[in-house]
Amino acid sequence: MPLLFTLKLYTTAPCHLCDDAHQLLRQLSLPNTINLIEIAEDDALLARYGTSIPVLQRADNDQELYWPFTKDQVLSFIKP
Protein backbone atom coordinates (compact mmCIF):
# COMPACT_ATOMS: atom_id res chain seq x y z
CA MET A 1 0.00 0.00 0.00
CA PRO A 2 1.50 3.37 -0.98
CA LEU A 3 2.08 6.00 1.64
CA LEU A 4 -0.37 8.86 1.69
CA PHE A 5 1.28 12.08 0.65
CA THR A 6 0.47 14.73 -1.88
CA LEU A 7 1.65 14.42 -5.44
CA LYS A 8 2.16 17.48 -7.61
CA LEU A 9 1.72 17.33 -11.35
CA TYR A 10 3.40 20.28 -13.03
CA THR A 11 1.41 21.14 -16.13
CA THR A 12 0.16 23.90 -18.39
CA ALA A 13 -2.73 24.35 -20.78
CA PRO A 14 -2.99 23.44 -23.52
CA CYS A 15 -0.68 20.44 -23.19
CA HIS A 16 -1.76 17.07 -24.58
CA LEU A 17 1.11 15.30 -22.80
CA CYS A 18 -0.03 16.80 -19.50
CA ASP A 19 -3.56 15.62 -20.23
CA ASP A 20 -2.21 12.13 -20.94
CA ALA A 21 -0.25 12.10 -17.66
CA HIS A 22 -3.25 13.29 -15.66
CA GLN A 23 -5.46 10.65 -17.25
CA LEU A 24 -2.91 7.94 -16.44
CA LEU A 25 -2.86 9.07 -12.79
CA ARG A 26 -6.66 9.04 -12.62
CA GLN A 27 -6.72 5.49 -14.02
CA LEU A 28 -4.51 4.34 -11.16
CA SER A 29 -7.09 5.50 -8.57
CA LEU A 30 -4.31 6.46 -6.19
CA PRO A 31 -5.21 7.24 -2.59
CA ASN A 32 -2.79 10.18 -2.80
CA THR A 33 -4.00 13.70 -3.39
CA ILE A 34 -2.83 15.02 -6.75
CA ASN A 35 -2.42 18.77 -7.09
CA LEU A 36 -2.19 20.18 -10.59
CA ILE A 37 0.34 23.00 -10.64
CA GLU A 38 0.02 25.48 -13.52
CA ILE A 39 3.57 26.52 -14.39
CA ALA A 40 2.53 29.48 -16.58
CA GLU A 41 1.42 31.37 -13.46
CA ASP A 42 4.90 31.36 -11.90
CA ASP A 43 8.03 32.58 -13.70
CA ALA A 44 10.33 30.34 -11.64
CA LEU A 45 8.26 27.23 -12.40
CA LEU A 46 8.04 28.19 -16.06
CA ALA A 47 11.83 28.52 -16.23
CA ARG A 48 12.34 25.21 -14.42
CA TYR A 49 9.70 23.03 -16.12
CA GLY A 50 8.85 24.89 -19.34
CA THR A 51 10.50 22.32 -21.61
CA SER A 52 9.98 19.20 -19.52
CA ILE A 53 6.32 19.07 -18.44
CA PRO A 54 4.51 17.05 -17.34
CA VAL A 55 6.52 16.33 -14.21
CA LEU A 56 5.22 14.40 -11.22
CA GLN A 57 6.68 15.36 -7.84
CA ARG A 58 6.34 13.78 -4.41
CA ALA A 59 5.57 16.46 -1.83
CA ASP A 60 7.15 14.44 0.99
CA ASN A 61 10.67 14.33 -0.48
CA ASP A 62 10.55 16.46 -3.68
CA GLN A 63 11.60 13.53 -5.91
CA GLU A 64 10.49 14.03 -9.49
CA LEU A 65 9.37 11.71 -12.26
CA TYR A 66 9.58 13.14 -15.77
CA TRP A 67 7.31 12.27 -18.66
CA PRO A 68 7.01 9.84 -20.31
CA PHE A 69 6.16 7.57 -17.40
CA THR A 70 4.14 4.39 -17.18
CA LYS A 71 1.67 3.12 -14.60
CA ASP A 72 4.32 0.77 -13.21
CA GLN A 73 6.84 3.61 -12.93
CA VAL A 74 4.32 5.73 -11.02
CA LEU A 75 3.55 2.86 -8.63
CA SER A 76 7.27 2.35 -8.00
CA PHE A 77 7.75 6.10 -7.60
CA ILE A 78 5.19 6.37 -4.80
CA LYS A 79 6.48 3.41 -2.79
CA PRO A 80 8.41 4.22 0.40
C-alpha atoms as a PDB file:
ATOM      1  CA  MET A   1       0.000   0.000   0.000  1.00  0.00           C
ATOM      2  CA  PRO A   2       1.499   3.368  -0.978  1.00  0.00           C
ATOM      3  CA  LEU A   3       2.078   5.997   1.642  1.00  0.00           C
ATOM      4  CA  LEU A   4      -0.374   8.859   1.693  1.00  0.00           C
ATOM      5  CA  PHE A   5       1.279  12.078   0.650  1.00  0.00           C
ATOM      6  CA  THR A   6       0.473  14.729  -1.881  1.00  0.00           C
ATOM      7  CA  LEU A   7       1.652  14.420  -5.441  1.00  0.00           C
ATOM      8  CA  LYS A   8       2.160  17.481  -7.609  1.00  0.00           C
ATOM      9  CA  LEU A   9       1.724  17.326 -11.355  1.00  0.00           C
ATOM     10  CA  TYR A  10       3.398  20.284 -13.033  1.00  0.00           C
ATOM     11  CA  THR A  11       1.412  21.143 -16.127  1.00  0.00           C
ATOM     12  CA  THR A  12       0.160  23.903 -18.387  1.00  0.00           C
ATOM     13  CA  ALA A  13      -2.725  24.346 -20.776  1.00  0.00           C
ATOM     14  CA  PRO A  14      -2.994  23.438 -23.520  1.00  0.00           C
ATOM     15  CA  CYS A  15      -0.682  20.438 -23.191  1.00  0.00           C
ATOM     16  CA  HIS A  16      -1.760  17.068 -24.575  1.00  0.00           C
ATOM     17  CA  LEU A  17       1.114  15.297 -22.796  1.00  0.00           C
ATOM     18  CA  CYS A  18      -0.034  16.799 -19.497  1.00  0.00           C
ATOM     19  CA  ASP A  19      -3.558  15.621 -20.231  1.00  0.00           C
ATOM     20  CA  ASP A  20      -2.213  12.125 -20.935  1.00  0.00           C
ATOM     21  CA  ALA A  21      -0.251  12.100 -17.663  1.00  0.00           C
ATOM     22  CA  HIS A  22      -3.249  13.293 -15.658  1.00  0.00           C
ATOM     23  CA  GLN A  23      -5.464  10.646 -17.253  1.00  0.00           C
ATOM     24  CA  LEU A  24      -2.911   7.935 -16.436  1.00  0.00           C
ATOM     25  CA  LEU A  25      -2.861   9.074 -12.790  1.00  0.00           C
ATOM     26  CA  ARG A  26      -6.664   9.044 -12.615  1.00  0.00           C
ATOM     27  CA  GLN A  27      -6.715   5.491 -14.024  1.00  0.00           C
ATOM     28  CA  LEU A  28      -4.513   4.343 -11.159  1.00  0.00           C
ATOM     29  CA  SER A  29      -7.087   5.496  -8.574  1.00  0.00           C
ATOM     30  CA  LEU A  30      -4.308   6.459  -6.186  1.00  0.00           C
ATOM     31  CA  PRO A  31      -5.207   7.241  -2.593  1.00  0.00           C
ATOM     32  CA  ASN A  32      -2.794  10.175  -2.801  1.00  0.00           C
ATOM     33  CA  THR A  33      -3.999  13.704  -3.386  1.00  0.00           C
ATOM     34  CA  ILE A  34      -2.831  15.016  -6.752  1.00  0.00           C
ATOM     35  CA  ASN A  35      -2.418  18.774  -7.090  1.00  0.00           C
ATOM     36  CA  LEU A  36      -2.188  20.179 -10.590  1.00  0.00           C
ATOM     37  CA  ILE A  37       0.343  22.999 -10.637  1.00  0.00           C
ATOM     38  CA  GLU A  38       0.020  25.476 -13.522  1.00  0.00           C
ATOM     39  CA  ILE A  39       3.570  26.523 -14.387  1.00  0.00           C
ATOM     40  CA  ALA A  40       2.526  29.479 -16.578  1.00  0.00           C
ATOM     41  CA  GLU A  41       1.415  31.370 -13.458  1.00  0.00           C
ATOM     42  CA  ASP A  42       4.898  31.363 -11.899  1.00  0.00           C
ATOM     43  CA  ASP A  43       8.027  32.579 -13.700  1.00  0.00           C
ATOM     44  CA  ALA A  44      10.329  30.341 -11.645  1.00  0.00           C
ATOM     45  CA  LEU A  45       8.261  27.234 -12.400  1.00  0.00           C
ATOM     46  CA  LEU A  46       8.037  28.193 -16.062  1.00  0.00           C
ATOM     47  CA  ALA A  47      11.830  28.520 -16.226  1.00  0.00           C
ATOM     48  CA  ARG A  48      12.344  25.207 -14.422  1.00  0.00           C
ATOM     49  CA  TYR A  49       9.700  23.030 -16.121  1.00  0.00           C
ATOM     50  CA  GLY A  50       8.853  24.887 -19.339  1.00  0.00           C
ATOM     51  CA  THR A  51      10.501  22.323 -21.610  1.00  0.00           C
ATOM     52  CA  SER A  52       9.982  19.195 -19.517  1.00  0.00           C
ATOM     53  CA  ILE A  53       6.325  19.073 -18.442  1.00  0.00           C
ATOM     54  CA  PRO A  54       4.507  17.054 -17.341  1.00  0.00           C
ATOM     55  CA  VAL A  55       6.518  16.333 -14.212  1.00  0.00           C
ATOM     56  CA  LEU A  56       5.215  14.399 -11.217  1.00  0.00           C
ATOM     57  CA  GLN A  57       6.676  15.361  -7.842  1.00  0.00           C
ATOM     58  CA  ARG A  58       6.344  13.783  -4.409  1.00  0.00           C
ATOM     59  CA  ALA A  59       5.567  16.460  -1.830  1.00  0.00           C
ATOM     60  CA  ASP A  60       7.150  14.439   0.990  1.00  0.00           C
ATOM     61  CA  ASN A  61      10.671  14.331  -0.479  1.00  0.00           C
ATOM     62  CA  ASP A  62      10.549  16.460  -3.677  1.00  0.00           C
ATOM     63  CA  GLN A  63      11.605  13.533  -5.905  1.00  0.00           C
ATOM     64  CA  GLU A  64      10.493  14.030  -9.493  1.00  0.00           C
ATOM     65  CA  LEU A  65       9.369  11.711 -12.259  1.00  0.00           C
ATOM     66  CA  TYR A  66       9.584  13.143 -15.767  1.00  0.00           C
ATOM     67  CA  TRP A  67       7.309  12.269 -18.661  1.00  0.00           C
ATOM     68  CA  PRO A  68       7.011   9.838 -20.312  1.00  0.00           C
ATOM     69  CA  PHE A  69       6.160   7.571 -17.396  1.00  0.00           C
ATOM     70  CA  THR A  70       4.137   4.386 -17.181  1.00  0.00           C
ATOM     71  CA  LYS A  71       1.666   3.115 -14.598  1.00  0.00           C
ATOM     72  CA  ASP A  72       4.324   0.771 -13.211  1.00  0.00           C
ATOM     73  CA  GLN A  73       6.844   3.609 -12.929  1.00  0.00           C
ATOM     74  CA  VAL A  74       4.320   5.727 -11.016  1.00  0.00           C
ATOM     75  CA  LEU A  75       3.551   2.862  -8.633  1.00  0.00           C
ATOM     76  CA  SER A  76       7.270   2.350  -7.996  1.00  0.00           C
ATOM     77  CA  PHE A  77       7.755   6.102  -7.603  1.00  0.00           C
ATOM     78  CA  ILE A  78       5.187   6.368  -4.797  1.00  0.00           C
ATOM     79  CA  LYS A  79       6.481   3.411  -2.794  1.00  0.00           C
ATOM     80  CA  PRO A  80       8.409   4.223   0.398  1.00  0.00           C
END
